[in-house]
Amino acid sequence: MSGLGTAFGSGAMTNSIYELDEMGPKDAIFAIGTNTTECHPIIGIKMLKAKERGTKLVVADPRKTDVALHADIWLRHKPGTDVALLNGMSY
């Protein structure tokens, strides 16, 4: 969360909650280090409904969370390597 705050000025989602209602088969959600369905249940429900409409759900989390179990792709990296994962993805 502190990384999001530093990079984007907010330690929360970088999109609008309303965008989740409009997502479909051509869209994707990337969630890293969050158990959204447990910590933010309203957003979690919207994410899972978007997935039901065909949105791809990619989760990067070393923990076997509820949201990871619903993911189309679960990237289970080692704890503490979030920055390395994101750097590798951006390269």
PDB file of N, CA and C in Angstrom:
ATOM      1  N   MET A   1       0.807  -1.185   0.000  1.00  0.00           N
ATOM      2  CA  MET A   1       0.000   0.000   0.000  1.00  0.00           C
ATOM      3  C   MET A   1       0.855   1.254   0.000  1.00  0.00           C
ATOM      4  N   SER A   2       1.965   1.233   0.733  1.00  0.00           N
ATOM      5  CA  SER A   2       2.806   2.434   0.756  1.00  0.00           C
ATOM      6  C   SER A   2       3.431   2.684  -0.611  1.00  0.00           C
ATOM      7  N   GLY A   3       3.725   1.602  -1.351  1.00  0.00           N
ATOM      8  CA  GLY A   3       4.265   1.769  -2.700  1.00  0.00           C
ATOM      9  C   GLY A   3       3.270   2.442  -3.627  1.00  0.00           C
ATOM     10  N   LEU A   4       2.007   2.051  -3.534  1.00  0.00           N
ATOM     11  CA  LEU A   4       0.971   2.706  -4.340  1.00  0.00           C
ATOM     12  C   LEU A   4       0.844   4.165  -3.960  1.00  0.00           C
ATOM     13  N   GLY A   5       0.922   4.438  -2.666  1.00  0.00           N
ATOM     14  CA  GLY A   5       0.828   5.825  -2.205  1.00  0.00           C
ATOM     15  C   GLY A   5       1.947   6.676  -2.754  1.00  0.00           C
ATOM     16  N   THR A   6       3.150   6.121  -2.784  1.00  0.00           N
ATOM     17  CA  THR A   6       4.299   6.853  -3.311  1.00  0.00           C
ATOM     18  C   THR A   6       4.190   7.042  -4.820  1.00  0.00           C
ATOM     19  N   ALA A   7       3.815   5.981  -5.533  1.00  0.00           N
ATOM     20  CA  ALA A   7       3.781   6.035  -6.995  1.00  0.00           C
ATOM     21  C   ALA A   7       2.578   6.793  -7.544  1.00  0.00           C
ATOM     22  N   PHE A   8       1.414   6.580  -6.933  1.00  0.00           N
ATOM     23  CA  PHE A   8       0.183   7.126  -7.506  1.00  0.00           C
ATOM     24  C   PHE A   8      -0.530   8.136  -6.612  1.00  0.00           C
ATOM     25  N   GLY A   9      -0.013   8.336  -5.408  1.00  0.00           N
ATOM     26  CA  GLY A   9      -0.643   9.283  -4.493  1.00  0.00           C
ATOM     27  C   GLY A   9      -1.810   8.697  -3.727  1.00  0.00           C
ATOM     28  N   SER A  10      -2.044   7.396  -3.886  1.00  0.00           N
ATOM     29  CA  SER A  10      -3.142   6.734  -3.190  1.00  0.00           C
ATOM     30  C   SER A  10      -2.749   5.295  -2.901  1.00  0.00           C
ATOM     31  N   GLY A  11      -3.013   4.847  -1.695  1.00  0.00           N
ATOM     32  CA  GLY A  11      -2.723   3.465  -1.342  1.00  0.00           C
ATOM     33  C   GLY A  11      -3.908   2.557  -1.598  1.00  0.00           C
ATOM     34  N   ALA A  12      -4.611   2.772  -2.680  1.00  0.00           N
ATOM     35  CA  ALA A  12      -5.803   1.986  -3.001  1.00  0.00           C
ATOM     36  C   ALA A  12      -5.805   1.646  -4.489  1.00  0.00           C
ATOM     37  N   MET A  13      -6.936   1.167  -4.973  1.00  0.00           N
ATOM     38  CA  MET A  13      -7.041   0.802  -6.390  1.00  0.00           C
ATOM     39  C   MET A  13      -6.641   1.977  -7.271  1.00  0.00           C
ATOM     40  N   THR A  14      -6.080   1.660  -8.416  1.00  0.00           N
ATOM     41  CA  THR A  14      -5.699   2.709  -9.366  1.00  0.00           C
ATOM     42  C   THR A  14      -6.757   2.886 -10.450  1.00  0.00           C
ATOM     43  N   ASN A  15      -7.931   2.329 -10.230  1.00  0.00           N
ATOM     44  CA  ASN A  15      -9.042   2.504 -11.163  1.00  0.00           C
ATOM     45  C   ASN A  15     -10.298   2.827 -10.367  1.00  0.00           C
ATOM     46  N   SER A  16     -11.356   3.117 -11.062  1.00  0.00           N
ATOM     47  CA  SER A  16     -12.637   3.429 -10.430  1.00  0.00           C
ATOM     48  C   SER A  16     -13.398   2.143 -10.134  1.00  0.00           C
ATOM     49  N   ILE A  17     -14.112   2.130  -9.033  1.00  0.00           N
ATOM     50  CA  ILE A  17     -14.938   0.967  -8.697  1.00  0.00           C
ATOM     51  C   ILE A  17     -15.993   0.726  -9.777  1.00  0.00           C
ATOM     52  N   TYR A  18     -16.424   1.798 -10.430  1.00  0.00           N
ATOM     53  CA  TYR A  18     -17.450   1.676 -11.470  1.00  0.00           C
ATOM     54  C   TYR A  18     -16.912   0.998 -12.724  1.00  0.00           C
ATOM     55  N   GLU A  19     -15.604   1.068 -12.947  1.00  0.00           N
ATOM     56  CA  GLU A  19     -15.012   0.385 -14.104  1.00  0.00           C
ATOM     57  C   GLU A  19     -15.190  -1.121 -13.995  1.00  0.00           C
ATOM     58  N   LEU A  20     -15.216  -1.653 -12.783  1.00  0.00           N
ATOM     59  CA  LEU A  20     -15.398  -3.091 -12.596  1.00  0.00           C
ATOM     60  C   LEU A  20     -16.750  -3.549 -13.134  1.00  0.00           C
ATOM     61  N   ASP A  21     -17.760  -2.689 -13.048  1.00  0.00           N
ATOM     62  CA  ASP A  21     -19.097  -3.032 -13.544  1.00  0.00           C
ATOM     63  C   ASP A  21     -19.152  -3.101 -15.064  1.00  0.00           C
ATOM     64  N   GLU A  22     -18.208  -2.468 -15.748  1.00  0.00           N
ATOM     65  CA  GLU A  22     -18.209  -2.401 -17.208  1.00  0.00           C
ATOM     66  C   GLU A  22     -17.235  -3.386 -17.851  1.00  0.00           C
ATOM     67  N   MET A  23     -16.503  -4.145 -17.043  1.00  0.00           N
ATOM     68  CA  MET A  23     -15.487  -5.046 -17.588  1.00  0.00           C
ATOM     69  C   MET A  23     -16.131  -6.281 -18.204  1.00  0.00           C
ATOM     70  N   GLY A  24     -15.464  -6.799 -19.254  1.00  0.00           N
ATOM     71  CA  GLY A  24     -15.957  -7.973 -19.952  1.00  0.00           C
ATOM     72  C   GLY A  24     -14.818  -8.827 -20.464  1.00  0.00           C
ATOM     73  N   PRO A  25     -15.071  -9.640 -21.487  1.00  0.00           N
ATOM     74  CA  PRO A  25     -14.099 -10.613 -21.980  1.00  0.00           C
ATOM     75  C   PRO A  25     -12.792 -10.027 -22.517  1.00  0.00           C
ATOM     76  N   LYS A  26     -12.785  -8.768 -22.898  1.00  0.00           N
ATOM     77  CA  LYS A  26     -11.565  -8.168 -23.442  1.00  0.00           C
ATOM     78  C   LYS A  26     -10.719  -7.511 -22.360  1.00  0.00           C
ATOM     79  N   ASP A  27     -11.156  -7.587 -21.109  1.00  0.00           N
ATOM     80  CA  ASP A  27     -10.479  -6.898 -20.013  1.00  0.00           C
ATOM     81  C   ASP A  27      -9.768  -7.884 -19.096  1.00  0.00           C
ATOM     82  N   ALA A  28      -8.908  -7.333 -18.242  1.00  0.00           N
ATOM     83  CA  ALA A  28      -8.191  -8.138 -17.255  1.00  0.00           C
ATOM     84  C   ALA A  28      -8.006  -7.332 -15.975  1.00  0.00           C
ATOM     85  N   ILE A  29      -7.977  -8.046 -14.873  1.00  0.00           N
ATOM     86  CA  ILE A  29      -7.702  -7.458 -13.567  1.00  0.00           C
ATOM     87  C   ILE A  29      -6.407  -8.071 -13.069  1.00  0.00           C
ATOM     88  N   PHE A  30      -5.471  -7.227 -12.636  1.00  0.00           N
ATOM     89  CA  PHE A  30      -4.225  -7.693 -12.029  1.00  0.00           C
ATOM     90  C   PHE A  30      -4.225  -7.238 -10.578  1.00  0.00           C
ATOM     91  N   ALA A  31      -4.239  -8.186  -9.666  1.00  0.00           N
ATOM     92  CA  ALA A  31      -4.240  -7.883  -8.231  1.00  0.00           C
ATOM     93  C   ALA A  31      -2.973  -8.461  -7.622  1.00  0.00           C
ATOM     94  N   ILE A  32      -2.224  -7.634  -6.912  1.00  0.00           N
ATOM     95  CA  ILE A  32      -0.978  -8.091  -6.307  1.00  0.00           C
ATOM     96  C   ILE A  32      -1.005  -7.842  -4.801  1.00  0.00           C
ATOM     97  N   GLY A  33      -0.706  -8.899  -4.045  1.00  0.00           N
ATOM     98  CA  GLY A  33      -0.586  -8.791  -2.596  1.00  0.00           C
ATOM     99  C   GLY A  33      -1.844  -8.365  -1.876  1.00  0.00           C
ATOM    100  N   THR A  34      -2.992  -8.784  -2.365  1.00  0.00           N
ATOM    101  CA  THR A  34      -4.244  -8.386  -1.722  1.00  0.00           C
ATOM    102  C   THR A  34      -5.215  -9.556  -1.679  1.00  0.00           C
ATOM    103  N   ASN A  35      -5.928  -9.669  -0.601  1.00  0.00           N
ATOM    104  CA  ASN A  35      -7.027 -10.618  -0.522  1.00  0.00           C
ATOM    105  C   ASN A  35      -8.310  -9.806  -0.585  1.00  0.00           C
ATOM    106  N   THR A  36      -8.601  -9.310  -1.757  1.00  0.00           N
ATOM    107  CA  THR A  36      -9.678  -8.348  -1.966  1.00  0.00           C
ATOM    108  C   THR A  36     -11.026  -8.866  -1.498  1.00  0.00           C
ATOM    109  N   THR A  37     -11.320 -10.133  -1.743  1.00  0.00           N
ATOM    110  CA  THR A  37     -12.631 -10.652  -1.367  1.00  0.00           C
ATOM    111  C   THR A  37     -12.843 -10.621   0.143  1.00  0.00           C
ATOM    112  N   GLU A  38     -11.776 -10.689   0.915  1.00  0.00           N
ATOM    113  CA  GLU A  38     -11.894 -10.660   2.373  1.00  0.00           C
ATOM    114  C   GLU A  38     -11.751  -9.249   2.944  1.00  0.00           C
ATOM    115  N   CYS A  39     -10.802  -8.485   2.435  1.00  0.00           N
ATOM    116  CA  CYS A  39     -10.511  -7.156   2.992  1.00  0.00           C
ATOM    117  C   CYS A  39     -11.420  -6.062   2.440  1.00  0.00           C
ATOM    118  N   HIS A  40     -11.890  -6.230   1.231  1.00  0.00           N
ATOM    119  CA  HIS A  40     -12.757  -5.243   0.573  1.00  0.00           C
ATOM    120  C   HIS A  40     -13.893  -6.005  -0.113  1.00  0.00           C
ATOM    121  N   PRO A  41     -14.852  -6.527   0.660  1.00  0.00           N
ATOM    122  CA  PRO A  41     -15.846  -7.451   0.097  1.00  0.00           C
ATOM    123  C   PRO A  41     -16.691  -6.896  -1.048  1.00  0.00           C
ATOM    124  N   ILE A  42     -17.028  -5.629  -1.029  1.00  0.00           N
ATOM    125  CA  ILE A  42     -17.840  -5.070  -2.125  1.00  0.00           C
ATOM    126  C   ILE A  42     -17.042  -5.095  -3.425  1.00  0.00           C
ATOM    127  N   ILE A  43     -15.796  -4.660  -3.365  1.00  0.00           N
ATOM    128  CA  ILE A  43     -14.937  -4.693  -4.552  1.00  0.00           C
ATOM    129  C   ILE A  43     -14.672  -6.137  -4.960  1.00  0.00           C
ATOM    130  N   GLY A  44     -14.488  -7.020  -3.978  1.00  0.00           N
ATOM    131  CA  GLY A  44     -14.284  -8.434  -4.269  1.00  0.00           C
ATOM    132  C   GLY A  44     -15.449  -9.033  -5.034  1.00  0.00           C
ATOM    133  N   ILE A  45     -16.667  -8.702  -4.630  1.00  0.00           N
ATOM    134  CA  ILE A  45     -17.861  -9.185  -5.337  1.00  0.00           C
ATOM    135  C   ILE A  45     -17.875  -8.655  -6.765  1.00  0.00           C
ATOM    136  N   LYS A  46     -17.556  -7.381  -6.943  1.00  0.00           N
ATOM    137  CA  LYS A  46     -17.527  -6.789  -8.285  1.00  0.00           C
ATOM    138  C   LYS A  46     -16.449  -7.449  -9.152  1.00  0.00           C
ATOM    139  N   MET A  47     -15.294  -7.777  -8.552  1.00  0.00           N
ATOM    140  CA  MET A  47     -14.233  -8.470  -9.293  1.00  0.00           C
ATOM    141  C   MET A  47     -14.713  -9.838  -9.761  1.00  0.00           C
ATOM    142  N   LEU A  48     -15.349 -10.585  -8.865  1.00  0.00           N
ATOM    143  CA  LEU A  48     -15.810 -11.923  -9.221  1.00  0.00           C
ATOM    144  C   LEU A  48     -16.939 -11.878 -10.249  1.00  0.00           C
ATOM    145  N   LYS A  49     -17.795 -10.868 -10.183  1.00  0.00           N
ATOM    146  CA  LYS A  49     -18.846 -10.709 -11.204  1.00  0.00           C
ATOM    147  C   LYS A  49     -18.231 -10.362 -12.556  1.00  0.00           C
ATOM    148  N   ALA A  50     -17.176  -9.536 -12.554  1.00  0.00           N
ATOM    149  CA  ALA A  50     -16.466  -9.226 -13.802  1.00  0.00           C
ATOM    150  C   ALA A  50     -15.857 -10.501 -14.373  1.00  0.00           C
ATOM    151  N   LYS A  51     -15.311 -11.357 -13.513  1.00  0.00           N
ATOM    152  CA  LYS A  51     -14.743 -12.628 -13.957  1.00  0.00           C
ATOM    153  C   LYS A  51     -15.829 -13.504 -14.584  1.00  0.00           C
ATOM    154  N   GLU A  52     -17.019 -13.511 -13.994  1.00  0.00           N
ATOM    155  CA  GLU A  52     -18.144 -14.272 -14.564  1.00  0.00           C
ATOM    156  C   GLU A  52     -18.518 -13.767 -15.955  1.00  0.00           C
ATOM    157  N   ARG A  53     -18.282 -12.480 -16.220  1.00  0.00           N
ATOM    158  CA  ARG A  53     -18.567 -11.900 -17.543  1.00  0.00           C
ATOM    159  C   ARG A  53     -17.406 -12.122 -18.516  1.00  0.00           C
ATOM    160  N   GLY A  54     -16.372 -12.838 -18.091  1.00  0.00           N
ATOM    161  CA  GLY A  54     -15.274 -13.167 -18.991  1.00  0.00           C
ATOM    162  C   GLY A  54     -13.988 -12.411 -18.757  1.00  0.00           C
ATOM    163  N   THR A  55     -13.975 -11.481 -17.816  1.00  0.00           N
ATOM    164  CA  THR A  55     -12.750 -10.745 -17.499  1.00  0.00           C
ATOM    165  C   THR A  55     -11.728 -11.714 -16.915  1.00  0.00           C
ATOM    166  N   LYS A  56     -10.492 -11.622 -17.369  1.00  0.00           N
ATOM    167  CA  LYS A  56      -9.422 -12.465 -16.834  1.00  0.00           C
ATOM    168  C   LYS A  56      -8.957 -11.892 -15.503  1.00  0.00           C
ATOM    169  N   LEU A  57      -8.734 -12.764 -14.525  1.00  0.00           N
ATOM    170  CA  LEU A  57      -8.255 -12.362 -13.206  1.00  0.00           C
ATOM    171  C   LEU A  57      -6.873 -12.958 -12.989  1.00  0.00           C
ATOM    172  N   VAL A  58      -5.883 -12.087 -12.857  1.00  0.00           N
ATOM    173  CA  VAL A  58      -4.502 -12.496 -12.609  1.00  0.00           C
ATOM    174  C   VAL A  58      -4.135 -12.009 -11.211  1.00  0.00           C
ATOM    175  N   VAL A  59      -3.708 -12.930 -10.365  1.00  0.00           N
ATOM    176  CA  VAL A  59      -3.368 -12.607  -8.980  1.00  0.00           C
ATOM    177  C   VAL A  59      -1.915 -12.974  -8.727  1.00  0.00           C
ATOM    178  N   ALA A  60      -1.169 -12.029  -8.166  1.00  0.00           N
ATOM    179  CA  ALA A  60       0.213 -12.275  -7.751  1.00  0.00           C
ATOM    180  C   ALA A  60       0.253 -12.171  -6.234  1.00  0.00           C
ATOM    181  N   ASP A  61       0.405 -13.304  -5.579  1.00  0.00           N
ATOM    182  CA  ASP A  61       0.415 -13.338  -4.118  1.00  0.00           C
ATOM    183  C   ASP A  61       1.024 -14.661  -3.674  1.00  0.00           C
ATOM    184  N   PRO A  62       1.979 -14.625  -2.754  1.00  0.00           N
ATOM    185  CA  PRO A  62       2.549 -15.880  -2.272  1.00  0.00           C
ATOM    186  C   PRO A  62       1.572 -16.680  -1.404  1.00  0.00           C
ATOM    187  N   ARG A  63       0.540 -16.010  -0.911  1.00  0.00           N
ATOM    188  CA  ARG A  63      -0.437 -16.669  -0.042  1.00  0.00           C
ATOM    189  C   ARG A  63      -1.570 -17.273  -0.859  1.00  0.00           C
ATOM    190  N   LYS A  64      -2.099 -18.376  -0.359  1.00  0.00           N
ATOM    191  CA  LYS A  64      -3.240 -19.029  -1.009  1.00  0.00           C
ATOM    192  C   LYS A  64      -4.516 -18.378  -0.470  1.00  0.00           C
ATOM    193  N   THR A  65      -4.854 -17.228  -1.027  1.00  0.00           N
ATOM    194  CA  THR A  65      -6.011 -16.462  -0.575  1.00  0.00           C
ATOM    195  C   THR A  65      -7.252 -16.853  -1.368  1.00  0.00           C
ATOM    196  N   ASP A  66      -8.395 -16.392  -0.904  1.00  0.00           N
ATOM    197  CA  ASP A  66      -9.646 -16.659  -1.612  1.00  0.00           C
ATOM    198  C   ASP A  66      -9.604 -16.101  -3.029  1.00  0.00           C
ATOM    199  N   VAL A  67      -9.093 -14.892  -3.175  1.00  0.00           N
ATOM    200  CA  VAL A  67      -9.037 -14.285  -4.513  1.00  0.00           C
ATOM    201  C   VAL A  67      -8.062 -15.057  -5.412  1.00  0.00           C
ATOM    202  N   ALA A  68      -6.985 -15.598  -4.847  1.00  0.00           N
ATOM    203  CA  ALA A  68      -6.039 -16.400  -5.634  1.00  0.00           C
ATOM    204  C   ALA A  68      -6.701 -17.681  -6.140  1.00  0.00           C
ATOM    205  N   LEU A  69      -7.576 -18.251  -5.334  1.00  0.00           N
ATOM    206  CA  LEU A  69      -8.268 -19.477  -5.739  1.00  0.00           C
ATOM    207  C   LEU A  69      -9.240 -19.242  -6.892  1.00  0.00           C
ATOM    208  N   HIS A  70      -9.703 -18.006  -7.062  1.00  0.00           N
ATOM    209  CA  HIS A  70     -10.608 -17.660  -8.166  1.00  0.00           C
ATOM    210  C   HIS A  70      -9.855 -17.192  -9.419  1.00  0.00           C
ATOM    211  N   ALA A  71      -8.560 -17.041  -9.318  1.00  0.00           N
ATOM    212  CA  ALA A  71      -7.768 -16.458 -10.406  1.00  0.00           C
ATOM    213  C   ALA A  71      -7.673 -17.383 -11.615  1.00  0.00           C
ATOM    214  N   ASP A  72      -7.634 -16.772 -12.797  1.00  0.00           N
ATOM    215  CA  ASP A  72      -7.323 -17.524 -14.013  1.00  0.00           C
ATOM    216  C   ASP A  72      -5.840 -17.877 -14.015  1.00  0.00           C
ATOM    217  N   ILE A  73      -5.033 -16.943 -13.528  1.00  0.00           N
ATOM    218  CA  ILE A  73      -3.587 -17.158 -13.387  1.00  0.00           C
ATOM    219  C   ILE A  73      -3.198 -16.711 -11.987  1.00  0.00           C
ATOM    220  N   TRP A  74      -2.521 -17.598 -11.260  1.00  0.00           N
ATOM    221  CA  TRP A  74      -2.032 -17.271  -9.920  1.00  0.00           C
ATOM    222  C   TRP A  74      -0.510 -17.311  -9.947  1.00  0.00           C
ATOM    223  N   LEU A  75       0.100 -16.153  -9.827  1.00  0.00           N
ATOM    224  CA  LEU A  75       1.556 -16.043  -9.765  1.00  0.00           C
ATOM    225  C   LEU A  75       1.954 -16.126  -8.300  1.00  0.00           C
ATOM    226  N   ARG A  76       2.510 -17.248  -7.902  1.00  0.00           N
ATOM    227  CA  ARG A  76       2.858 -17.465  -6.490  1.00  0.00           C
ATOM    228  C   ARG A  76       4.357 -17.233  -6.301  1.00  0.00           C
ATOM    229  N   HIS A  77       4.723 -15.967  -6.227  1.00  0.00           N
ATOM    230  CA  HIS A  77       6.125 -15.602  -6.074  1.00  0.00           C
ATOM    231  C   HIS A  77       6.535 -15.695  -4.604  1.00  0.00           C
ATOM    232  N   LYS A  78       7.838 -15.623  -4.360  1.00  0.00           N
ATOM    233  CA  LYS A  78       8.344 -15.701  -2.987  1.00  0.00           C
ATOM    234  C   LYS A  78       7.989 -14.426  -2.227  1.00  0.00           C
ATOM    235  N   PRO A  79       7.686 -14.546  -0.931  1.00  0.00           N
ATOM    236  CA  PRO A  79       7.388 -13.353  -0.130  1.00  0.00           C
ATOM    237  C   PRO A  79       8.528 -12.334  -0.201  1.00  0.00           C
ATOM    238  N   GLY A  80       8.174 -11.070  -0.326  1.00  0.00           N
ATOM    239  CA  GLY A  80       9.169  -9.999  -0.371  1.00  0.00           C
ATOM    240  C   GLY A  80       9.745  -9.728  -1.743  1.00  0.00           C
ATOM    241  N   THR A  81       9.233 -10.400  -2.774  1.00  0.00           N
ATOM    242  CA  THR A  81       9.786 -10.207  -4.118  1.00  0.00           C
ATOM    243  C   THR A  81       8.813  -9.481  -5.050  1.00  0.00           C
ATOM    244  N   ASP A  82       7.862  -8.745  -4.473  1.00  0.00           N
ATOM    245  CA  ASP A  82       6.889  -8.007  -5.295  1.00  0.00           C
ATOM    246  C   ASP A  82       7.585  -7.056  -6.272  1.00  0.00           C
ATOM    247  N   VAL A  83       8.574  -6.321  -5.776  1.00  0.00           N
ATOM    248  CA  VAL A  83       9.266  -5.342  -6.627  1.00  0.00           C
ATOM    249  C   VAL A  83       9.996  -6.050  -7.761  1.00  0.00           C
ATOM    250  N   ALA A  84      10.659  -7.163  -7.460  1.00  0.00           N
ATOM    251  CA  ALA A  84      11.361  -7.917  -8.502  1.00  0.00           C
ATOM    252  C   ALA A  84      10.374  -8.429  -9.553  1.00  0.00           C
ATOM    253  N   LEU A  85       9.223  -8.914  -9.111  1.00  0.00           N
ATOM    254  CA  LEU A  85       8.196  -9.388 -10.042  1.00  0.00           C
ATOM    255  C   LEU A  85       7.724  -8.260 -10.951  1.00  0.00           C
ATOM    256  N   LEU A  86       7.403  -7.111 -10.365  1.00  0.00           N
ATOM    257  CA  LEU A  86       6.933  -5.974 -11.159  1.00  0.00           C
ATOM    258  C   LEU A  86       8.018  -5.443 -12.086  1.00  0.00           C
ATOM    259  N   ASN A  87       9.265  -5.420 -11.619  1.00  0.00           N
ATOM    260  CA  ASN A  87      10.367  -4.997 -12.494  1.00  0.00           C
ATOM    261  C   ASN A  87      10.519  -5.957 -13.668  1.00  0.00           C
ATOM    262  N   GLY A  88      10.410  -7.249 -13.405  1.00  0.00           N
ATOM    263  CA  GLY A  88      10.497  -8.238 -14.478  1.00  0.00           C
ATOM    264  C   GLY A  88       9.364  -8.101 -15.480  1.00  0.00           C
ATOM    265  N   MET A  89       8.176  -7.793 -14.997  1.00  0.00           N
ATOM    266  CA  MET A  89       7.028  -7.615 -15.891  1.00  0.00           C
ATOM    267  C   MET A  89       7.171  -6.363 -16.745  1.00  0.00           C
ATOM    268  N   SER A  90       7.813  -5.348 -16.210  1.00  0.00           N
ATOM    269  CA  SER A  90       7.924  -4.083 -16.948  1.00  0.00           C
ATOM    270  C   SER A  90       9.115  -4.055 -17.892  1.00  0.00           C
ATOM    271  N   TYR A  91       9.993  -5.038 -17.789  1.00  0.00           N
ATOM    272  CA  TYR A  91      11.206  -5.029 -18.602  1.00  0.00           C
ATOM    273  C   TYR A  91      10.904  -5.282 -20.053  1.00  0.00           C
TER     274      TYR A  91
END
